[in-house]
Amino acid sequence: MENMTRKKEPKPDSQPSATQKVDRSKLYFNLQNIHVDLKCKNEAQKNLIKLINDNDITICAGRAGTGKTFIACAQALKLLKTEKYKKILLVKSVTVLEGEEVGFLKGDLKEKLYPFTISFLDNFHKIIGEENTQKMLDSGLIEVLPLAYLRGRSIDNAIIIVDEAQNITLKNMRSTLTRLGENSKMIITGDTKQIDMKNKNLSSLDVVIKLFKDKNGFGTMNFEVSDIVRSPIVKLVEDVFDEYEDNSNTKKPV
């Protein structure tokens, strides 16, 4: 009697099982051949790089145009190239601008996050180009998550960048800081002059900078208006608004 049992042929495009070792060299594609051009424009930017290198958690507040997020992204890429870390995790508090409701956003998580994270990815586009940035996203070397998705996770072997931290409450900041796992770094950036929370007093950025100043494993710093490098007009905008706010605060009610 003819044996009708046929051997199952493996599917050529099947994914490796959880027990199979993945060749990480394929995931790195040509990352080692990408040049990360990081030239600091002032001492404040140099200081931020030193803090990132020397500490587990770096917390930085600064005005728009100081380059704080750009420096964080560029230095994260340089650290990733050492192969000590497996990925860069970009985290953002998804807060809608005051008075600018966007309504329901269609699509999956990545599509919903895109409007909120494009400013993040713009930095990588400038540093390594759009094509290489997309390859890193596709391969998992860059992962983008909303702040809420960090809860309950322990993140190992990663460089975590948390942007727009001025929109994080103290409770959520505590939860965020405690997500740091083995062999990981966290860089937190924000601008306390651009708080989008309805109750601006709930912002935790200034609070945690004061709480963790000079604590072991932490680096904290503030960029000043004089550190703005984006454009002279941006510095002028900040100066004019500062003067307006100062005058408004000093006026006594009639």
C-alpha atoms as a PDB file:
ATOM      1  CA  MET A   1       0.000   0.000   0.000  1.00  0.00           C
ATOM      2  CA  GLU A   2       1.356   3.302  -1.031  1.00  0.00           C
ATOM      3  CA  ASN A   3       2.277   5.622   1.851  1.00  0.00           C
ATOM      4  CA  MET A   4       0.190   8.731   1.299  1.00  0.00           C
ATOM      5  CA  THR A   5       1.785  10.651   4.179  1.00  0.00           C
ATOM      6  CA  ARG A   6       3.629  13.662   2.897  1.00  0.00           C
ATOM      7  CA  LYS A   7       6.283  15.547   4.761  1.00  0.00           C
ATOM      8  CA  LYS A   8       5.409  19.119   5.517  1.00  0.00           C
ATOM      9  CA  GLU A   9       7.758  21.494   3.781  1.00  0.00           C
ATOM     10  CA  PRO A  10       8.787  24.578   5.759  1.00  0.00           C
ATOM     11  CA  LYS A  11       7.361  27.792   4.451  1.00  0.00           C
ATOM     12  CA  PRO A  12      10.169  29.856   2.953  1.00  0.00           C
ATOM     13  CA  ASP A  13       8.816  33.073   4.383  1.00  0.00           C
ATOM     14  CA  SER A  14       7.964  31.757   7.856  1.00  0.00           C
ATOM     15  CA  GLN A  15       9.031  33.848  10.814  1.00  0.00           C
ATOM     16  CA  PRO A  16      11.565  32.468  13.330  1.00  0.00           C
ATOM     17  CA  SER A  17      10.061  31.047  16.494  1.00  0.00           C
ATOM     18  CA  ALA A  18      10.599  32.611  19.885  1.00  0.00           C
ATOM     19  CA  THR A  19      13.285  30.021  20.658  1.00  0.00           C
ATOM     20  CA  GLN A  20      15.267  30.695  17.490  1.00  0.00           C
ATOM     21  CA  LYS A  21      18.130  33.129  17.678  1.00  0.00           C
ATOM     22  CA  VAL A  22      17.589  36.199  15.545  1.00  0.00           C
ATOM     23  CA  ASP A  23      20.572  37.530  13.623  1.00  0.00           C
ATOM     24  CA  ARG A  24      20.716  41.084  14.930  1.00  0.00           C
ATOM     25  CA  SER A  25      23.278  42.026  12.300  1.00  0.00           C
ATOM     26  CA  LYS A  26      20.423  42.031   9.775  1.00  0.00           C
ATOM     27  CA  LEU A  27      18.407  44.356  11.964  1.00  0.00           C
ATOM     28  CA  TYR A  28      21.288  46.804  12.117  1.00  0.00           C
ATOM     29  CA  PHE A  29      21.333  46.865   8.293  1.00  0.00           C
ATOM     30  CA  ASN A  30      23.874  49.594   7.462  1.00  0.00           C
ATOM     31  CA  LEU A  31      23.632  51.539  10.721  1.00  0.00           C
ATOM     32  CA  GLN A  32      27.381  51.254  11.268  1.00  0.00           C
ATOM     33  CA  ASN A  33      27.958  52.959   7.935  1.00  0.00           C
ATOM     34  CA  ILE A  34      25.729  55.913   8.774  1.00  0.00           C
ATOM     35  CA  HIS A  35      27.571  59.004   9.840  1.00  0.00           C
ATOM     36  CA  VAL A  36      25.973  60.859  12.742  1.00  0.00           C
ATOM     37  CA  ASP A  37      27.087  64.451  12.330  1.00  0.00           C
ATOM     38  CA  LEU A  38      26.753  66.044  15.748  1.00  0.00           C
ATOM     39  CA  LYS A  39      28.359  69.454  16.110  1.00  0.00           C
ATOM     40  CA  CYS A  40      27.499  71.380  19.243  1.00  0.00           C
ATOM     41  CA  LYS A  41      26.719  75.061  18.762  1.00  0.00           C
ATOM     42  CA  ASN A  42      27.264  76.161  22.361  1.00  0.00           C
ATOM     43  CA  GLU A  43      28.434  75.007  25.786  1.00  0.00           C
ATOM     44  CA  ALA A  44      24.909  74.119  26.884  1.00  0.00           C
ATOM     45  CA  GLN A  45      24.628  71.504  24.124  1.00  0.00           C
ATOM     46  CA  LYS A  46      28.042  70.089  25.064  1.00  0.00           C
ATOM     47  CA  ASN A  47      26.884  69.878  28.664  1.00  0.00           C
ATOM     48  CA  LEU A  48      23.748  67.970  27.667  1.00  0.00           C
ATOM     49  CA  ILE A  49      25.812  65.370  25.813  1.00  0.00           C
ATOM     50  CA  LYS A  50      28.069  64.924  28.842  1.00  0.00           C
ATOM     51  CA  LEU A  51      25.060  64.496  31.123  1.00  0.00           C
ATOM     52  CA  ILE A  52      23.577  61.866  28.787  1.00  0.00           C
ATOM     53  CA  ASN A  53      26.833  59.921  28.663  1.00  0.00           C
ATOM     54  CA  ASP A  54      27.504  60.090  32.396  1.00  0.00           C
ATOM     55  CA  ASN A  55      24.054  59.383  33.827  1.00  0.00           C
ATOM     56  CA  ASP A  56      21.244  56.849  33.704  1.00  0.00           C
ATOM     57  CA  ILE A  57      18.545  59.535  33.573  1.00  0.00           C
ATOM     58  CA  THR A  58      18.960  63.040  32.156  1.00  0.00           C
ATOM     59  CA  ILE A  59      16.247  65.655  32.646  1.00  0.00           C
ATOM     60  CA  CYS A  60      16.496  68.798  30.544  1.00  0.00           C
ATOM     61  CA  ALA A  61      14.224  71.826  30.247  1.00  0.00           C
ATOM     62  CA  GLY A  62      14.746  74.535  27.676  1.00  0.00           C
ATOM     63  CA  ARG A  63      13.151  76.992  25.302  1.00  0.00           C
ATOM     64  CA  ALA A  64      12.137  76.210  21.746  1.00  0.00           C
ATOM     65  CA  GLY A  65      15.096  76.332  19.388  1.00  0.00           C
ATOM     66  CA  THR A  66      17.812  75.374  21.885  1.00  0.00           C
ATOM     67  CA  GLY A  67      18.356  72.030  20.157  1.00  0.00           C
ATOM     68  CA  LYS A  68      17.685  69.906  23.236  1.00  0.00           C
ATOM     69  CA  THR A  69      15.617  67.242  21.435  1.00  0.00           C
ATOM     70  CA  PHE A  70      17.922  67.245  18.401  1.00  0.00           C
ATOM     71  CA  ILE A  71      20.960  66.668  20.637  1.00  0.00           C
ATOM     72  CA  ALA A  72      19.115  63.899  22.513  1.00  0.00           C
ATOM     73  CA  CYS A  73      18.238  62.109  19.252  1.00  0.00           C
ATOM     74  CA  ALA A  74      21.712  62.488  17.737  1.00  0.00           C
ATOM     75  CA  GLN A  75      23.469  61.287  20.874  1.00  0.00           C
ATOM     76  CA  ALA A  76      21.047  58.365  21.142  1.00  0.00           C
ATOM     77  CA  LEU A  77      22.037  57.332  17.604  1.00  0.00           C
ATOM     78  CA  LYS A  78      25.721  57.533  18.493  1.00  0.00           C
ATOM     79  CA  LEU A  79      25.155  55.388  21.576  1.00  0.00           C
ATOM     80  CA  LEU A  80      23.122  52.875  19.555  1.00  0.00           C
ATOM     81  CA  LYS A  81      26.038  52.479  17.144  1.00  0.00           C
ATOM     82  CA  THR A  82      28.184  51.204  20.033  1.00  0.00           C
ATOM     83  CA  GLU A  83      25.845  48.153  20.055  1.00  0.00           C
ATOM     84  CA  LYS A  84      25.555  48.392  23.823  1.00  0.00           C
ATOM     85  CA  TYR A  85      21.861  49.174  23.354  1.00  0.00           C
ATOM     86  CA  LYS A  86      19.267  47.450  21.175  1.00  0.00           C
ATOM     87  CA  LYS A  87      16.903  50.275  20.287  1.00  0.00           C
ATOM     88  CA  ILE A  88      15.826  53.872  20.724  1.00  0.00           C
ATOM     89  CA  LEU A  89      12.388  54.272  22.262  1.00  0.00           C
ATOM     90  CA  LEU A  90      10.652  57.583  21.520  1.00  0.00           C
ATOM     91  CA  VAL A  91       7.937  58.476  24.019  1.00  0.00           C
ATOM     92  CA  LYS A  92       5.590  61.416  23.873  1.00  0.00           C
ATOM     93  CA  SER A  93       2.739  62.624  26.013  1.00  0.00           C
ATOM     94  CA  VAL A  94      -0.176  62.785  23.592  1.00  0.00           C
ATOM     95  CA  THR A  95      -1.692  66.091  24.674  1.00  0.00           C
ATOM     96  CA  VAL A  96      -3.855  68.113  22.319  1.00  0.00           C
ATOM     97  CA  LEU A  97      -2.935  71.802  22.104  1.00  0.00           C
ATOM     98  CA  GLU A  98      -5.132  74.095  24.142  1.00  0.00           C
ATOM     99  CA  GLY A  99      -8.124  75.125  22.039  1.00  0.00           C
ATOM    100  CA  GLU A 100      -7.102  72.853  19.147  1.00  0.00           C
ATOM    101  CA  GLU A 101      -9.250  69.708  19.378  1.00  0.00           C
ATOM    102  CA  VAL A 102      -8.480  67.292  16.540  1.00  0.00           C
ATOM    103  CA  GLY A 103     -11.419  64.901  16.939  1.00  0.00           C
ATOM    104  CA  PHE A 104     -11.312  61.175  16.302  1.00  0.00           C
ATOM    105  CA  LEU A 105      -8.205  59.920  14.530  1.00  0.00           C
ATOM    106  CA  LYS A 106      -8.608  56.889  12.270  1.00  0.00           C
ATOM    107  CA  GLY A 107      -6.090  54.096  11.823  1.00  0.00           C
ATOM    108  CA  ASP A 108      -3.874  51.854  13.907  1.00  0.00           C
ATOM    109  CA  LEU A 109      -1.614  53.008  16.736  1.00  0.00           C
ATOM    110  CA  LYS A 110       1.186  54.137  14.395  1.00  0.00           C
ATOM    111  CA  GLU A 111      -1.223  56.160  12.257  1.00  0.00           C
ATOM    112  CA  LYS A 112      -2.863  57.768  15.278  1.00  0.00           C
ATOM    113  CA  LEU A 113       0.533  58.683  16.735  1.00  0.00           C
ATOM    114  CA  TYR A 114       1.974  60.138  13.535  1.00  0.00           C
ATOM    115  CA  PRO A 115       0.651  63.721  13.964  1.00  0.00           C
ATOM    116  CA  PHE A 116       2.069  63.828  17.495  1.00  0.00           C
ATOM    117  CA  THR A 117       5.465  62.271  16.729  1.00  0.00           C
ATOM    118  CA  ILE A 118       6.422  63.844  13.399  1.00  0.00           C
ATOM    119  CA  SER A 119       8.329  66.575  15.257  1.00  0.00           C
ATOM    120  CA  PHE A 120      10.327  63.785  16.924  1.00  0.00           C
ATOM    121  CA  LEU A 121      11.065  62.016  13.647  1.00  0.00           C
ATOM    122  CA  ASP A 122      12.008  65.291  11.934  1.00  0.00           C
ATOM    123  CA  ASN A 123      15.167  65.272  14.050  1.00  0.00           C
ATOM    124  CA  PHE A 124      16.162  61.848  12.748  1.00  0.00           C
ATOM    125  CA  HIS A 125      15.364  62.912   9.187  1.00  0.00           C
ATOM    126  CA  LYS A 126      17.830  65.780   9.581  1.00  0.00           C
ATOM    127  CA  ILE A 127      20.516  63.562  11.115  1.00  0.00           C
ATOM    128  CA  ILE A 128      20.393  60.371   9.003  1.00  0.00           C
ATOM    129  CA  GLY A 129      17.763  61.072   6.323  1.00  0.00           C
ATOM    130  CA  GLU A 130      14.173  59.945   5.859  1.00  0.00           C
ATOM    131  CA  GLU A 131      15.030  56.628   4.181  1.00  0.00           C
ATOM    132  CA  ASN A 132      17.372  55.471   6.943  1.00  0.00           C
ATOM    133  CA  THR A 133      14.926  56.658   9.607  1.00  0.00           C
ATOM    134  CA  GLN A 134      12.172  54.551   8.023  1.00  0.00           C
ATOM    135  CA  LYS A 135      14.480  51.525   7.868  1.00  0.00           C
ATOM    136  CA  MET A 136      15.218  51.889  11.568  1.00  0.00           C
ATOM    137  CA  LEU A 137      11.493  52.112  12.318  1.00  0.00           C
ATOM    138  CA  ASP A 138      10.762  49.048  10.179  1.00  0.00           C
ATOM    139  CA  SER A 139      13.520  47.017  11.819  1.00  0.00           C
ATOM    140  CA  GLY A 140      12.540  48.003  15.360  1.00  0.00           C
ATOM    141  CA  LEU A 141      15.697  49.979  16.052  1.00  0.00           C
ATOM    142  CA  ILE A 142      13.444  52.981  16.620  1.00  0.00           C
ATOM    143  CA  GLU A 143      10.131  52.451  18.393  1.00  0.00           C
ATOM    144  CA  VAL A 144       7.505  55.132  18.987  1.00  0.00           C
ATOM    145  CA  LEU A 145       5.040  54.921  21.872  1.00  0.00           C
ATOM    146  CA  PRO A 146       2.562  57.187  23.667  1.00  0.00           C
ATOM    147  CA  LEU A 147       3.329  57.742  27.330  1.00  0.00           C
ATOM    148  CA  ALA A 148       0.370  55.637  28.476  1.00  0.00           C
ATOM    149  CA  TYR A 149       1.851  52.498  26.852  1.00  0.00           C
ATOM    150  CA  LEU A 150       4.888  52.591  29.157  1.00  0.00           C
ATOM    151  CA  ARG A 151       2.848  51.660  32.215  1.00  0.00           C
ATOM    152  CA  GLY A 152       3.764  48.267  33.645  1.00  0.00           C
ATOM    153  CA  ARG A 153       6.807  47.771  31.399  1.00  0.00           C
ATOM    154  CA  SER A 154      10.432  47.334  32.359  1.00  0.00           C
ATOM    155  CA  ILE A 155      12.507  48.578  29.456  1.00  0.00           C
ATOM    156  CA  ASP A 156      15.940  46.997  29.139  1.00  0.00           C
ATOM    157  CA  ASN A 157      18.833  47.673  26.734  1.00  0.00           C
ATOM    158  CA  ALA A 158      17.299  50.822  25.308  1.00  0.00           C
ATOM    159  CA  ILE A 159      17.763  54.558  25.069  1.00  0.00           C
ATOM    160  CA  ILE A 160      14.434  56.129  26.002  1.00  0.00           C
ATOM    161  CA  ILE A 161      13.721  59.716  24.941  1.00  0.00           C
ATOM    162  CA  VAL A 162      10.676  61.337  26.521  1.00  0.00           C
ATOM    163  CA  ASP A 163       9.746  64.579  24.774  1.00  0.00           C
ATOM    164  CA  GLU A 164       7.198  67.300  25.663  1.00  0.00           C
ATOM    165  CA  ALA A 165       7.686  66.386  29.328  1.00  0.00           C
ATOM    166  CA  GLN A 166       6.129  69.681  30.383  1.00  0.00           C
ATOM    167  CA  ASN A 167       2.779  67.969  29.689  1.00  0.00           C
ATOM    168  CA  ILE A 168       3.355  65.121  32.149  1.00  0.00           C
ATOM    169  CA  THR A 169       1.843  65.183  35.631  1.00  0.00           C
ATOM    170  CA  LEU A 170       3.960  64.331  38.664  1.00  0.00           C
ATOM    171  CA  LYS A 171       2.135  61.020  39.090  1.00  0.00           C
ATOM    172  CA  ASN A 172       2.782  60.009  35.483  1.00  0.00           C
ATOM    173  CA  MET A 173       6.362  61.271  35.659  1.00  0.00           C
ATOM    174  CA  ARG A 174       6.989  58.996  38.629  1.00  0.00           C
ATOM    175  CA  SER A 175       5.549  56.080  36.681  1.00  0.00           C
ATOM    176  CA  THR A 176       7.696  56.979  33.654  1.00  0.00           C
ATOM    177  CA  LEU A 177      10.971  57.234  35.572  1.00  0.00           C
ATOM    178  CA  THR A 178      10.416  53.817  37.152  1.00  0.00           C
ATOM    179  CA  ARG A 179      10.147  52.099  33.746  1.00  0.00           C
ATOM    180  CA  LEU A 180      13.929  52.219  33.334  1.00  0.00           C
ATOM    181  CA  GLY A 181      15.311  48.667  33.227  1.00  0.00           C
ATOM    182  CA  GLU A 182      18.730  47.044  32.992  1.00  0.00           C
ATOM    183  CA  ASN A 183      21.339  48.657  30.758  1.00  0.00           C
ATOM    184  CA  SER A 184      19.089  51.531  29.699  1.00  0.00           C
ATOM    185  CA  LYS A 185      19.264  55.311  29.599  1.00  0.00           C
ATOM    186  CA  MET A 186      16.430  57.812  29.756  1.00  0.00           C
ATOM    187  CA  ILE A 187      16.514  61.360  28.385  1.00  0.00           C
ATOM    188  CA  ILE A 188      13.635  63.658  29.319  1.00  0.00           C
ATOM    189  CA  THR A 189      13.172  66.972  27.519  1.00  0.00           C
ATOM    190  CA  GLY A 190      10.563  69.716  27.589  1.00  0.00           C
ATOM    191  CA  ASP A 191       9.771  73.401  27.590  1.00  0.00           C
ATOM    192  CA  THR A 192       7.944  74.807  30.606  1.00  0.00           C
ATOM    193  CA  LYS A 193       6.892  77.845  28.564  1.00  0.00           C
ATOM    194  CA  GLN A 194       4.786  75.612  26.286  1.00  0.00           C
ATOM    195  CA  ILE A 195       2.572  73.674  28.690  1.00  0.00           C
ATOM    196  CA  ASP A 196      -0.599  72.436  26.971  1.00  0.00           C
ATOM    197  CA  MET A 197      -2.317  71.058  30.082  1.00  0.00           C
ATOM    198  CA  LYS A 198      -5.536  72.768  31.135  1.00  0.00           C
ATOM    199  CA  ASN A 199      -4.143  73.125  34.653  1.00  0.00           C
ATOM    200  CA  LYS A 200      -0.589  74.283  34.053  1.00  0.00           C
ATOM    201  CA  ASN A 201       0.260  73.847  37.736  1.00  0.00           C
ATOM    202  CA  LEU A 202       0.116  70.060  37.225  1.00  0.00           C
ATOM    203  CA  SER A 203       3.226  70.110  35.028  1.00  0.00           C
ATOM    204  CA  SER A 204       6.049  68.168  36.679  1.00  0.00           C
ATOM    205  CA  LEU A 205       9.113  69.109  34.623  1.00  0.00           C
ATOM    206  CA  ASP A 206      10.419  71.922  36.828  1.00  0.00           C
ATOM    207  CA  VAL A 207       9.578  69.876  39.921  1.00  0.00           C
ATOM    208  CA  VAL A 208      11.603  66.795  38.955  1.00  0.00           C
ATOM    209  CA  ILE A 209      14.578  68.917  37.877  1.00  0.00           C
ATOM    210  CA  LYS A 210      14.672  70.362  41.393  1.00  0.00           C
ATOM    211  CA  LEU A 211      13.978  67.011  43.094  1.00  0.00           C
ATOM    212  CA  PHE A 212      16.738  65.100  41.314  1.00  0.00           C
ATOM    213  CA  LYS A 213      19.402  67.784  41.040  1.00  0.00           C
ATOM    214  CA  ASP A 214      22.751  66.345  42.245  1.00  0.00           C
ATOM    215  CA  LYS A 215      21.205  62.895  42.827  1.00  0.00           C
ATOM    216  CA  ASN A 216      23.418  59.936  41.924  1.00  0.00           C
ATOM    217  CA  GLY A 217      22.701  58.645  38.402  1.00  0.00           C
ATOM    218  CA  PHE A 218      20.754  61.787  37.435  1.00  0.00           C
ATOM    219  CA  GLY A 219      21.773  64.716  35.281  1.00  0.00           C
ATOM    220  CA  THR A 220      19.634  67.861  35.256  1.00  0.00           C
ATOM    221  CA  MET A 221      19.941  71.117  33.381  1.00  0.00           C
ATOM    222  CA  ASN A 222      18.090  74.146  32.017  1.00  0.00           C
ATOM    223  CA  PHE A 223      18.748  75.816  28.692  1.00  0.00           C
ATOM    224  CA  GLU A 224      18.458  79.603  28.740  1.00  0.00           C
ATOM    225  CA  VAL A 225      17.030  81.987  26.134  1.00  0.00           C
ATOM    226  CA  SER A 226      20.615  82.881  25.223  1.00  0.00           C
ATOM    227  CA  ASP A 227      21.150  79.219  24.196  1.00  0.00           C
ATOM    228  CA  ILE A 228      18.617  79.411  21.334  1.00  0.00           C
ATOM    229  CA  VAL A 229      20.310  78.413  18.074  1.00  0.00           C
ATOM    230  CA  ARG A 230      17.394  77.849  15.703  1.00  0.00           C
ATOM    231  CA  SER A 231      17.013  81.422  14.483  1.00  0.00           C
ATOM    232  CA  PRO A 232      17.536  84.943  15.858  1.00  0.00           C
ATOM    233  CA  ILE A 233      13.821  85.577  15.334  1.00  0.00           C
ATOM    234  CA  VAL A 234      12.951  82.721  17.722  1.00  0.00           C
ATOM    235  CA  LYS A 235      15.027  84.353  20.447  1.00  0.00           C
ATOM    236  CA  LEU A 236      13.228  87.635  19.766  1.00  0.00           C
ATOM    237  CA  VAL A 237       9.839  85.897  20.072  1.00  0.00           C
ATOM    238  CA  GLU A 238      10.825  84.410  23.445  1.00  0.00           C
ATOM    239  CA  ASP A 239      12.171  87.749  24.707  1.00  0.00           C
ATOM    240  CA  VAL A 240       9.003  89.636  23.719  1.00  0.00           C
ATOM    241  CA  PHE A 241       6.704  87.079  25.347  1.00  0.00           C
ATOM    242  CA  ASP A 242       8.851  86.998  28.499  1.00  0.00           C
ATOM    243  CA  GLU A 243       8.611  90.770  28.780  1.00  0.00           C
ATOM    244  CA  TYR A 244       4.847  90.655  28.257  1.00  0.00           C
ATOM    245  CA  GLU A 245       4.405  87.952  30.917  1.00  0.00           C
ATOM    246  CA  ASP A 246       6.627  89.804  33.379  1.00  0.00           C
ATOM    247  CA  ASN A 247       4.624  93.007  32.903  1.00  0.00           C
ATOM    248  CA  SER A 248       1.331  91.145  33.252  1.00  0.00           C
ATOM    249  CA  ASN A 249       2.447  89.483  36.477  1.00  0.00           C
ATOM    250  CA  THR A 250       3.619  92.752  38.053  1.00  0.00           C
ATOM    251  CA  LYS A 251       0.416  94.659  37.353  1.00  0.00           C
ATOM    252  CA  LYS A 252      -1.670  94.988  40.487  1.00  0.00           C
ATOM    253  CA  PRO A 253      -5.402  94.322  40.231  1.00  0.00           C
ATOM    254  CA  VAL A 254      -7.547  97.450  40.499  1.00  0.00           C
END
